[in-house]
PDB file of N, CA and C in Angstrom:
ATOM      1  N   MET A   1     -10.239  -3.464   5.268  1.00  0.00           N
ATOM      2  CA  MET A   1      -8.821  -3.276   4.792  1.00  0.00           C
ATOM      3  C   MET A   1      -8.440  -4.953   4.891  1.00  0.00           C
ATOM      4  N   PRO A   2      -7.253  -5.372   4.494  1.00  0.00           N
ATOM      5  CA  PRO A   2      -6.343  -6.164   4.190  1.00  0.00           C
ATOM      6  C   PRO A   2      -5.764  -6.478   5.211  1.00  0.00           C
ATOM      7  N   ALA A   3      -5.412  -7.984   5.624  1.00  0.00           N
ATOM      8  CA  ALA A   3      -4.653  -8.334   6.663  1.00  0.00           C
ATOM      9  C   ALA A   3      -3.366  -8.193   6.611  1.00  0.00           C
ATOM     10  N   PHE A   4      -3.155  -8.178   5.273  1.00  0.00           N
ATOM     11  CA  PHE A   4      -1.533  -7.773   4.906  1.00  0.00           C
ATOM     12  C   PHE A   4      -1.115  -6.229   5.438  1.00  0.00           C
ATOM     13  N   TRP A   5      -2.228  -5.679   4.586  1.00  0.00           N
ATOM     14  CA  TRP A   5      -1.602  -4.144   4.634  1.00  0.00           C
ATOM     15  C   TRP A   5      -1.579  -4.144   6.575  1.00  0.00           C
ATOM     16  N   LYS A   6      -2.878  -4.146   7.206  1.00  0.00           N
ATOM     17  CA  LYS A   6      -2.231  -4.111   8.879  1.00  0.00           C
ATOM     18  C   LYS A   6      -1.430  -4.491   9.083  1.00  0.00           C
ATOM     19  N   PHE A   7      -0.459  -6.056   8.634  1.00  0.00           N
ATOM     20  CA  PHE A   7      -0.199  -6.084   8.723  1.00  0.00           C
ATOM     21  C   PHE A   7       1.567  -5.030   8.959  1.00  0.00           C
ATOM     22  N   LEU A   8       1.182  -4.901   7.413  1.00  0.00           N
ATOM     23  CA  LEU A   8       2.420  -3.930   6.971  1.00  0.00           C
ATOM     24  C   LEU A   8       2.848  -2.539   7.809  1.00  0.00           C
ATOM     25  N   CYS A   9       1.018  -2.004   7.921  1.00  0.00           N
ATOM     26  CA  CYS A   9       1.227  -0.499   8.535  1.00  0.00           C
ATOM     27  C   CYS A   9       1.679  -0.615  10.122  1.00  0.00           C
ATOM     28  N   GLN A  10       1.145  -1.861  10.867  1.00  0.00           N
ATOM     29  CA  GLN A  10       1.451  -1.681  11.895  1.00  0.00           C
ATOM     30  C   GLN A  10       2.841  -2.743  12.523  1.00  0.00           C
ATOM     31  N   ARG A  11       2.757  -3.633  12.169  1.00  0.00           N
ATOM     32  CA  ARG A  11       4.327  -4.272  12.427  1.00  0.00           C
ATOM     33  C   ARG A  11       5.541  -4.029  11.931  1.00  0.00           C
ATOM     34  N   TRP A  12       5.142  -3.195  10.662  1.00  0.00           N
ATOM     35  CA  TRP A  12       6.467  -3.017   9.731  1.00  0.00           C
ATOM     36  C   TRP A  12       6.910  -1.579  10.196  1.00  0.00           C
ATOM     37  N   LEU A  13       6.052  -0.792   9.710  1.00  0.00           N
ATOM     38  CA  LEU A  13       6.092   1.069   9.815  1.00  0.00           C
ATOM     39  C   LEU A  13       5.530   1.199  11.274  1.00  0.00           C
ATOM     40  N   GLY A  14       5.270   0.558  12.152  1.00  0.00           N
ATOM     41  CA  GLY A  14       4.942   0.973  13.760  1.00  0.00           C
ATOM     42  C   GLY A  14       3.824   2.219  13.855  1.00  0.00           C
ATOM     43  N   LEU A  15       2.363   2.264  12.776  1.00  0.00           N
ATOM     44  CA  LEU A  15       1.510   2.909  12.775  1.00  0.00           C
ATOM     45  C   LEU A  15       0.462   2.877  13.544  1.00  0.00           C
ATOM     46  N   PRO A  16      -0.271   3.219  13.728  1.00  0.00           N
ATOM     47  CA  PRO A  16      -1.894   3.121  14.616  1.00  0.00           C
ATOM     48  C   PRO A  16      -2.672   2.414  13.767  1.00  0.00           C
ATOM     49  N   TYR A  17      -3.566   1.384  14.192  1.00  0.00           N
ATOM     50  CA  TYR A  17      -4.751   1.012  13.293  1.00  0.00           C
ATOM     51  C   TYR A  17      -5.645   2.032  12.580  1.00  0.00           C
ATOM     52  N   GLU A  18      -5.979   3.436  13.520  1.00  0.00           N
ATOM     53  CA  GLU A  18      -6.818   4.399  13.295  1.00  0.00           C
ATOM     54  C   GLU A  18      -5.894   4.553  11.605  1.00  0.00           C
ATOM     55  N   LEU A  19      -4.263   5.366  11.682  1.00  0.00           N
ATOM     56  CA  LEU A  19      -4.277   5.586  10.488  1.00  0.00           C
ATOM     57  C   LEU A  19      -3.879   4.584   8.911  1.00  0.00           C
ATOM     58  N   ALA A  20      -3.468   3.554   9.264  1.00  0.00           N
ATOM     59  CA  ALA A  20      -3.265   2.554   8.459  1.00  0.00           C
ATOM     60  C   ALA A  20      -5.078   2.747   7.712  1.00  0.00           C
ATOM     61  N   TRP A  21      -5.947   2.555   7.715  1.00  0.00           N
ATOM     62  CA  TRP A  21      -7.030   2.291   7.755  1.00  0.00           C
ATOM     63  C   TRP A  21      -7.064   3.777   6.896  1.00  0.00           C
ATOM     64  N   CYS A  22      -7.231   4.794   7.765  1.00  0.00           N
ATOM     65  CA  CYS A  22      -7.325   6.310   6.793  1.00  0.00           C
ATOM     66  C   CYS A  22      -5.969   5.995   5.842  1.00  0.00           C
ATOM     67  N   TRP A  23      -4.997   5.746   5.690  1.00  0.00           N
ATOM     68  CA  TRP A  23      -4.235   5.203   4.316  1.00  0.00           C
ATOM     69  C   TRP A  23      -4.519   4.216   3.584  1.00  0.00           C
ATOM     70  N   TRP A  24      -5.608   3.336   3.699  1.00  0.00           N
ATOM     71  CA  TRP A  24      -6.087   2.584   2.718  1.00  0.00           C
ATOM     72  C   TRP A  24      -7.146   3.090   2.476  1.00  0.00           C
ATOM     73  N   GLY A  25      -7.624   3.747   3.105  1.00  0.00           N
ATOM     74  CA  GLY A  25      -9.011   4.373   2.351  1.00  0.00           C
ATOM     75  C   GLY A  25      -8.392   5.284   1.469  1.00  0.00           C
ATOM     76  N   ALA A  26      -7.771   6.206   1.324  1.00  0.00           N
ATOM     77  CA  ALA A  26      -6.771   7.141   0.611  1.00  0.00           C
ATOM     78  C   ALA A  26      -6.226   6.434  -0.580  1.00  0.00           C
ATOM     79  N   LEU A  27      -6.104   5.116  -0.602  1.00  0.00           N
ATOM     80  CA  LEU A  27      -5.559   4.719  -1.622  1.00  0.00           C
ATOM     81  C   LEU A  27      -6.733   4.236  -2.611  1.00  0.00           C
ATOM     82  N   GLY A  28      -7.445   3.808  -1.693  1.00  0.00           N
ATOM     83  CA  GLY A  28      -8.692   3.352  -2.354  1.00  0.00           C
ATOM     84  C   GLY A  28      -9.107   4.605  -3.535  1.00  0.00           C
ATOM     85  N   LYS A  29      -9.194   5.898  -2.665  1.00  0.00           N
ATOM     86  CA  LYS A  29     -10.002   6.338  -3.775  1.00  0.00           C
ATOM     87  C   LYS A  29      -9.198   7.305  -4.407  1.00  0.00           C
ATOM     88  N   SER A  30      -7.592   7.238  -4.670  1.00  0.00           N
ATOM     89  CA  SER A  30      -6.581   7.428  -5.603  1.00  0.00           C
ATOM     90  C   SER A  30      -6.778   7.419  -6.557  1.00  0.00           C
ATOM     91  N   ARG A  31      -6.800   7.673  -7.867  1.00  0.00           N
ATOM     92  CA  ARG A  31      -6.629   7.421  -9.280  1.00  0.00           C
ATOM     93  C   ARG A  31      -5.076   7.432  -9.881  1.00  0.00           C
ATOM     94  N   TRP A  32      -4.270   8.498  -8.608  1.00  0.00           N
ATOM     95  CA  TRP A  32      -2.476   7.916  -9.210  1.00  0.00           C
ATOM     96  C   TRP A  32      -1.477   6.772  -9.540  1.00  0.00           C
ATOM     97  N   SER A  33      -1.646   6.515 -10.159  1.00  0.00           N
ATOM     98  CA  SER A  33      -0.976   5.213 -10.626  1.00  0.00           C
ATOM     99  C   SER A  33      -0.175   4.568  -9.591  1.00  0.00           C
ATOM    100  N   GLN A  34       0.575   5.133  -8.992  1.00  0.00           N
ATOM    101  CA  GLN A  34       1.524   4.850  -7.951  1.00  0.00           C
ATOM    102  C   GLN A  34       0.815   4.156  -6.461  1.00  0.00           C
ATOM    103  N   ALA A  35      -0.552   4.553  -6.065  1.00  0.00           N
ATOM    104  CA  ALA A  35      -1.423   4.473  -5.349  1.00  0.00           C
ATOM    105  C   ALA A  35      -2.491   2.951  -5.658  1.00  0.00           C
ATOM    106  N   THR A  36      -2.471   3.204  -6.673  1.00  0.00           N
ATOM    107  CA  THR A  36      -3.372   1.765  -7.343  1.00  0.00           C
ATOM    108  C   THR A  36      -2.800   0.974  -7.463  1.00  0.00           C
ATOM    109  N   ALA A  37      -1.417   1.029  -7.917  1.00  0.00           N
ATOM    110  CA  ALA A  37      -0.119  -0.252  -8.168  1.00  0.00           C
ATOM    111  C   ALA A  37       0.062  -0.974  -6.656  1.00  0.00           C
ATOM    112  N   LEU A  38       0.223   0.161  -5.282  1.00  0.00           N
ATOM    113  CA  LEU A  38       0.091  -0.416  -4.198  1.00  0.00           C
ATOM    114  C   LEU A  38      -0.822  -1.018  -4.002  1.00  0.00           C
ATOM    115  N   ARG A  39      -2.157  -0.793  -3.768  1.00  0.00           N
ATOM    116  CA  ARG A  39      -3.678  -1.343  -3.793  1.00  0.00           C
ATOM    117  C   ARG A  39      -3.412  -2.552  -4.564  1.00  0.00           C
ATOM    118  N   ALA A  40      -2.923  -2.452  -5.419  1.00  0.00           N
ATOM    119  CA  ALA A  40      -3.467  -3.919  -6.104  1.00  0.00           C
ATOM    120  C   ALA A  40      -2.361  -4.997  -5.957  1.00  0.00           C
ATOM    121  N   ALA A  41      -1.196  -4.380  -5.734  1.00  0.00           N
ATOM    122  CA  ALA A  41       0.397  -5.603  -5.334  1.00  0.00           C
ATOM    123  C   ALA A  41      -0.581  -6.148  -3.721  1.00  0.00           C
ATOM    124  N   VAL A  42      -0.900  -4.587  -2.944  1.00  0.00           N
ATOM    125  CA  VAL A  42      -1.607  -5.399  -1.166  1.00  0.00           C
ATOM    126  C   VAL A  42      -2.819  -6.497  -1.477  1.00  0.00           C
ATOM    127  N   VAL A  43      -3.519  -6.415  -2.348  1.00  0.00           N
ATOM    128  CA  VAL A  43      -4.910  -7.184  -2.794  1.00  0.00           C
ATOM    129  C   VAL A  43      -4.115  -8.765  -3.184  1.00  0.00           C
ATOM    130  N   ALA A  44      -3.102  -8.239  -3.952  1.00  0.00           N
ATOM    131  CA  ALA A  44      -2.565 -10.047  -4.302  1.00  0.00           C
ATOM    132  C   ALA A  44      -1.839 -10.444  -3.923  1.00  0.00           C
ATOM    133  N   VAL A  45      -1.165 -10.167  -2.839  1.00  0.00           N
ATOM    134  CA  VAL A  45      -0.788 -10.718  -1.497  1.00  0.00           C
ATOM    135  C   VAL A  45      -1.790 -11.169  -0.764  1.00  0.00           C
ATOM    136  N   GLY A  46      -2.428 -10.578  -0.618  1.00  0.00           N
ATOM    137  CA  GLY A  46      -3.734 -11.302   0.652  1.00  0.00           C
ATOM    138  C   GLY A  46      -4.278 -12.151  -0.362  1.00  0.00           C
ATOM    139  N   GLN A  47      -4.101 -12.129  -1.686  1.00  0.00           N
ATOM    140  CA  GLN A  47      -4.536 -13.875  -1.996  1.00  0.00           C
ATOM    141  C   GLN A  47      -4.083 -15.441  -2.008  1.00  0.00           C
ATOM    142  N   HIS A  48      -3.277 -14.722  -1.479  1.00  0.00           N
ATOM    143  CA  HIS A  48      -1.994 -15.698  -1.465  1.00  0.00           C
ATOM    144  C   HIS A  48      -1.092 -15.623  -0.234  1.00  0.00           C
ATOM    145  N   PRO A  49      -1.712 -15.411   0.904  1.00  0.00           N
ATOM    146  CA  PRO A  49      -1.192 -15.421   2.587  1.00  0.00           C
ATOM    147  C   PRO A  49       0.481 -16.228   3.083  1.00  0.00           C
ATOM    148  N   PHE A  50       0.759 -17.477   2.152  1.00  0.00           N
ATOM    149  CA  PHE A  50       1.651 -18.029   2.788  1.00  0.00           C
ATOM    150  C   PHE A  50       2.955 -17.445   1.901  1.00  0.00           C
ATOM    151  N   PRO A  51       3.960 -16.722   2.430  1.00  0.00           N
ATOM    152  CA  PRO A  51       4.926 -16.645   1.025  1.00  0.00           C
ATOM    153  C   PRO A  51       5.371 -17.148   0.175  1.00  0.00           C
ATOM    154  N   GLY A  52       5.614 -18.579   0.253  1.00  0.00           N
ATOM    155  CA  GLY A  52       5.419 -20.028  -0.646  1.00  0.00           C
ATOM    156  C   GLY A  52       4.576 -19.945  -1.681  1.00  0.00           C
ATOM    157  N   GLN A  53       3.547 -19.626  -1.431  1.00  0.00           N
ATOM    158  CA  GLN A  53       2.244 -19.259  -2.769  1.00  0.00           C
ATOM    159  C   GLN A  53       2.388 -18.563  -3.892  1.00  0.00           C
ATOM    160  N   ARG A  54       2.952 -17.381  -3.267  1.00  0.00           N
ATOM    161  CA  ARG A  54       3.366 -16.081  -3.936  1.00  0.00           C
ATOM    162  C   ARG A  54       3.794 -16.352  -5.565  1.00  0.00           C
ATOM    163  N   PRO A  55       3.179 -16.598  -6.983  1.00  0.00           N
ATOM    164  CA  PRO A  55       3.974 -15.983  -7.738  1.00  0.00           C
ATOM    165  C   PRO A  55       5.195 -14.542  -7.795  1.00  0.00           C
ATOM    166  N   ASP A  56       6.290 -14.841  -8.576  1.00  0.00           N
ATOM    167  CA  ASP A  56       7.317 -14.404  -8.633  1.00  0.00           C
ATOM    168  C   ASP A  56       6.824 -13.063  -8.792  1.00  0.00           C
ATOM    169  N   THR A  57       6.479 -12.981  -9.769  1.00  0.00           N
ATOM    170  CA  THR A  57       4.982 -11.045 -10.400  1.00  0.00           C
ATOM    171  C   THR A  57       4.784 -10.649  -9.463  1.00  0.00           C
ATOM    172  N   GLU A  58       4.455 -11.352  -8.242  1.00  0.00           N
ATOM    173  CA  GLU A  58       3.185 -10.331  -6.801  1.00  0.00           C
ATOM    174  C   GLU A  58       4.824 -10.268  -6.439  1.00  0.00           C
ATOM    175  N   LYS A  59       5.843 -10.829  -6.069  1.00  0.00           N
ATOM    176  CA  LYS A  59       6.899 -10.286  -5.088  1.00  0.00           C
ATOM    177  C   LYS A  59       7.111  -9.535  -5.820  1.00  0.00           C
ATOM    178  N   THR A  60       7.689  -9.479  -6.644  1.00  0.00           N
ATOM    179  CA  THR A  60       8.442  -8.252  -7.267  1.00  0.00           C
ATOM    180  C   THR A  60       7.176  -7.311  -7.265  1.00  0.00           C
ATOM    181  N   ALA A  61       6.320  -7.024  -7.686  1.00  0.00           N
ATOM    182  CA  ALA A  61       5.476  -5.651  -7.987  1.00  0.00           C
ATOM    183  C   ALA A  61       5.572  -5.428  -6.608  1.00  0.00           C
ATOM    184  N   LEU A  62       4.921  -5.904  -5.470  1.00  0.00           N
ATOM    185  CA  LEU A  62       4.726  -5.562  -4.014  1.00  0.00           C
ATOM    186  C   LEU A  62       6.794  -4.794  -3.290  1.00  0.00           C
ATOM    187  N   GLY A  63       7.241  -5.612  -3.738  1.00  0.00           N
ATOM    188  CA  GLY A  63       8.878  -5.349  -3.723  1.00  0.00           C
ATOM    189  C   GLY A  63       8.664  -3.711  -3.964  1.00  0.00           C
ATOM    190  N   ALA A  64       8.672  -3.736  -4.844  1.00  0.00           N
ATOM    191  CA  ALA A  64       9.239  -2.257  -5.982  1.00  0.00           C
ATOM    192  C   ALA A  64       7.984  -1.202  -5.199  1.00  0.00           C
ATOM    193  N   GLN A  65       7.168  -1.382  -4.353  1.00  0.00           N
ATOM    194  CA  GLN A  65       5.721  -0.209  -3.971  1.00  0.00           C
ATOM    195  C   GLN A  65       6.181  -0.111  -2.672  1.00  0.00           C
ATOM    196  N   ILE A  66       6.752  -0.777  -1.805  1.00  0.00           N
ATOM    197  CA  ILE A  66       7.080  -0.935  -0.181  1.00  0.00           C
ATOM    198  C   ILE A  66       8.550  -0.483  -0.144  1.00  0.00           C
ATOM    199  N   GLU A  67       9.268  -0.073  -1.199  1.00  0.00           N
ATOM    200  CA  GLU A  67      10.552   0.801  -0.516  1.00  0.00           C
ATOM    201  C   GLU A  67      10.272   1.881   0.133  1.00  0.00           C
ATOM    202  N   GLY A  68      11.405   2.201   0.695  1.00  0.00           N
ATOM    203  CA  GLY A  68      10.848   3.641   1.704  1.00  0.00           C
ATOM    204  C   GLY A  68      10.879   4.984   0.537  1.00  0.00           C
ATOM    205  N   LYS A  69      11.575   4.668  -0.199  1.00  0.00           N
ATOM    206  CA  LYS A  69      11.487   6.064  -1.306  1.00  0.00           C
ATOM    207  C   LYS A  69      10.023   6.089  -1.838  1.00  0.00           C
ATOM    208  N   GLN A  70       9.800   5.044  -2.069  1.00  0.00           N
ATOM    209  CA  GLN A  70       7.931   5.012  -3.125  1.00  0.00           C
ATOM    210  C   GLN A  70       7.537   5.015  -2.322  1.00  0.00           C
ATOM    211  N   LEU A  71       7.549   5.182  -0.792  1.00  0.00           N
ATOM    212  CA  LEU A  71       6.108   5.161   0.284  1.00  0.00           C
ATOM    213  C   LEU A  71       6.038   6.839   0.552  1.00  0.00           C
ATOM    214  N   VAL A  72       7.282   7.277   0.921  1.00  0.00           N
ATOM    215  CA  VAL A  72       7.742   8.507   0.710  1.00  0.00           C
ATOM    216  C   VAL A  72       6.909   9.165   0.126  1.00  0.00           C
ATOM    217  N   GLU A  73       6.940   9.313  -1.310  1.00  0.00           N
ATOM    218  CA  GLU A  73       6.549   9.842  -2.786  1.00  0.00           C
ATOM    219  C   GLU A  73       4.556   9.641  -2.679  1.00  0.00           C
ATOM    220  N   LEU A  74       4.230   8.876  -2.642  1.00  0.00           N
ATOM    221  CA  LEU A  74       3.494   7.740  -2.272  1.00  0.00           C
ATOM    222  C   LEU A  74       2.478   8.923  -1.325  1.00  0.00           C
ATOM    223  N   CYS A  75       2.842   8.794   0.036  1.00  0.00           N
ATOM    224  CA  CYS A  75       2.270   9.763   0.584  1.00  0.00           C
ATOM    225  C   CYS A  75       2.008  10.775   0.356  1.00  0.00           C
ATOM    226  N   ALA A  76       3.210  12.008  -0.518  1.00  0.00           N
ATOM    227  CA  ALA A  76       3.168  13.129  -0.655  1.00  0.00           C
ATOM    228  C   ALA A  76       2.425  13.428  -2.035  1.00  0.00           C
ATOM    229  N   ASP A  77       1.704  12.376  -2.860  1.00  0.00           N
ATOM    230  CA  ASP A  77       0.784  12.282  -3.708  1.00  0.00           C
ATOM    231  C   ASP A  77      -0.094  12.621  -3.368  1.00  0.00           C
ATOM    232  N   LEU A  78      -0.633  11.401  -2.484  1.00  0.00           N
ATOM    233  CA  LEU A  78      -2.112  11.372  -1.777  1.00  0.00           C
ATOM    234  C   LEU A  78      -2.176  12.727  -0.947  1.00  0.00           C
ATOM    235  N   GLN A  79      -1.606  12.938  -0.361  1.00  0.00           N
ATOM    236  CA  GLN A  79      -1.567  14.646   0.266  1.00  0.00           C
ATOM    237  C   GLN A  79      -2.029  15.513  -0.213  1.00  0.00           C
ATOM    238  N   GLY A  80      -1.228  15.757  -1.450  1.00  0.00           N
ATOM    239  CA  GLY A  80      -1.550  16.334  -2.600  1.00  0.00           C
ATOM    240  C   GLY A  80      -2.627  16.618  -3.425  1.00  0.00           C
ATOM    241  N   GLU A  81      -3.283  15.157  -3.633  1.00  0.00           N
ATOM    242  CA  GLU A  81      -4.521  15.015  -3.778  1.00  0.00           C
ATOM    243  C   GLU A  81      -5.648  15.204  -3.169  1.00  0.00           C
ATOM    244  N   CYS A  82      -5.136  14.855  -1.974  1.00  0.00           N
ATOM    245  CA  CYS A  82      -6.946  15.434  -0.721  1.00  0.00           C
ATOM    246  C   CYS A  82      -6.877  16.324  -0.871  1.00  0.00           C
ATOM    247  N   SER A  83      -5.620  17.153  -0.754  1.00  0.00           N
ATOM    248  CA  SER A  83      -5.493  18.891  -0.759  1.00  0.00           C
ATOM    249  C   SER A  83      -6.014  19.246  -1.850  1.00  0.00           C
ATOM    250  N   GLY A  84      -5.778  19.402  -3.124  1.00  0.00           N
ATOM    251  CA  GLY A  84      -6.291  19.561  -4.068  1.00  0.00           C
ATOM    252  C   GLY A  84      -5.271  20.449  -5.101  1.00  0.00           C
ATOM    253  N   TYR A  85      -3.854  19.898  -4.824  1.00  0.00           N
ATOM    254  CA  TYR A  85      -3.325  20.656  -4.945  1.00  0.00           C
ATOM    255  C   TYR A  85      -2.041  19.932  -6.470  1.00  0.00           C
ATOM    256  N   MET A  86      -2.406  18.858  -6.387  1.00  0.00           N
ATOM    257  CA  MET A  86      -1.957  17.917  -7.905  1.00  0.00           C
ATOM    258  C   MET A  86      -2.886  18.117  -8.948  1.00  0.00           C
TER     259      MET A  86
END
């Protein structure tokens, strides 16, 4: 699990480590475009740990993925994918 994901989940969202780890694992197994886009954005940010080093495209990609509505939709998609309903 990337350090940035751990920071995002624990500090920003207030999730316990175990849930952050499970969510990261679900993102890795998912084939949905929104899940793979979020995972790719988090990995890209991890390659440039200091905000001043990040290209604008990474900032835009991550910002679009971590808005509240997108995260809620992503959680619903992952839950459906794991349940076999989607």
